[in-house]
Amino acid sequence: MQEQITLVIDYINGVKTRCTYAAAAEAIGITPQAFKKFLGEARPEVSWFVSPTSGEPMRYSDSEKHPELYRTSRIITSSKVLKRNLDL
């Protein structure tokens, strides 16, 4: 499980695109709540995972957000994108 989570985190950091918690969780077969727990403490490399309604990472201060978080308005909302690109 941790290997898949690391794979998703690395991919999202590589493409520098926000992704909903739900899309990431569904791609690896867990609940969004479980995914959030696996992410651990707030830090820039996991700030790419966001709420679908606000497009923001939940409970992050500005200093905990990745400096390029808003470089694009695109947000991955479908697990299909991650499954296809990561062969999950």
Protein backbone atom coordinates (compact mmCIF):
# COMPACT_ATOMS: atom_id res chain seq x y z
CA MET A 1 0.00 0.00 0.00
CA GLN A 2 2.71 2.50 0.98
CA GLU A 3 4.49 1.78 -2.31
CA GLN A 4 1.37 2.79 -4.29
CA ILE A 5 0.91 5.92 -2.18
CA THR A 6 4.53 6.91 -2.77
CA LEU A 7 4.07 6.27 -6.50
CA VAL A 8 1.04 8.61 -6.61
CA ILE A 9 2.82 11.31 -4.55
CA ASP A 10 5.90 11.14 -6.79
CA TYR A 11 3.78 11.30 -9.94
CA ILE A 12 1.77 14.31 -8.74
CA ASN A 13 4.96 16.12 -7.77
CA GLY A 14 6.43 15.33 -11.16
CA VAL A 15 3.49 16.71 -13.14
CA LYS A 16 2.97 19.55 -10.63
CA THR A 17 -0.79 19.33 -10.87
CA ARG A 18 -3.31 19.34 -8.05
CA CYS A 19 -5.32 16.17 -7.51
CA THR A 20 -8.37 15.51 -5.35
CA TYR A 21 -8.00 13.27 -2.33
CA ALA A 22 -10.86 11.16 -3.71
CA ALA A 23 -9.23 10.57 -7.10
CA ALA A 24 -5.92 9.53 -5.52
CA ALA A 25 -7.62 7.30 -2.95
CA GLU A 26 -9.85 5.58 -5.51
CA ALA A 27 -6.86 4.92 -7.79
CA ILE A 28 -5.19 2.85 -5.07
CA GLY A 29 -8.36 1.37 -3.60
CA ILE A 30 -8.71 3.11 -0.24
CA THR A 31 -11.00 5.77 1.24
CA PRO A 32 -10.11 9.46 1.00
CA GLN A 33 -9.87 9.56 4.82
CA ALA A 34 -7.37 6.70 4.85
CA PHE A 35 -5.38 8.40 2.08
CA LYS A 36 -5.18 11.62 4.11
CA LYS A 37 -3.84 9.65 7.09
CA PHE A 38 -1.17 8.01 4.92
CA LEU A 39 -0.04 11.46 3.72
CA GLY A 40 0.92 12.39 7.28
CA GLU A 41 1.80 15.90 8.32
CA ALA A 42 1.26 18.92 6.12
CA ARG A 43 4.24 19.59 3.86
CA PRO A 44 4.75 21.01 0.35
CA GLU A 45 5.17 17.67 -1.47
CA VAL A 46 1.71 16.48 -0.39
CA SER A 47 -0.06 19.84 -0.64
CA TRP A 48 -0.98 18.91 -4.24
CA PHE A 49 -3.85 16.82 -2.84
CA VAL A 50 -6.88 19.05 -2.52
CA SER A 51 -10.57 19.31 -1.76
CA PRO A 52 -12.76 19.09 -4.89
CA THR A 53 -14.89 22.05 -3.81
CA SER A 54 -12.18 24.55 -2.90
CA GLY A 55 -9.21 23.27 -4.91
CA GLU A 56 -7.15 23.82 -1.77
CA PRO A 57 -5.25 21.42 0.44
CA MET A 58 -7.12 21.02 3.71
CA ARG A 59 -5.72 22.80 6.78
CA TYR A 60 -2.43 23.93 5.23
CA SER A 61 -0.75 27.22 6.02
CA ASP A 62 0.78 29.14 3.12
CA SER A 63 4.28 28.04 4.19
CA GLU A 64 3.21 24.37 3.97
CA LYS A 65 1.95 24.69 0.39
CA HIS A 66 4.15 23.91 -2.60
CA PRO A 67 5.39 27.17 -4.19
CA GLU A 68 4.05 26.07 -7.60
CA LEU A 69 0.65 24.87 -6.32
CA TYR A 70 -1.28 27.37 -8.46
CA ARG A 71 0.83 27.20 -11.61
CA THR A 72 -2.19 25.71 -13.41
CA SER A 73 -5.91 25.74 -12.76
CA ARG A 74 -6.13 22.08 -13.76
CA ILE A 75 -7.05 19.59 -11.04
CA ILE A 76 -7.08 15.83 -11.53
CA THR A 77 -10.54 14.73 -10.38
CA SER A 78 -10.73 11.24 -11.87
CA SER A 79 -8.91 8.15 -10.66
CA LYS A 80 -8.86 6.99 -14.29
CA VAL A 81 -6.10 9.49 -15.06
CA LEU A 82 -3.88 8.11 -12.30
CA LYS A 83 -4.70 4.49 -13.08
CA ARG A 84 -3.85 5.01 -16.75
CA ASN A 85 -0.67 7.01 -16.20
CA LEU A 86 0.65 4.88 -13.35
CA ASP A 87 -0.57 1.49 -14.56
CA LEU A 88 -2.45 0.88 -11.30
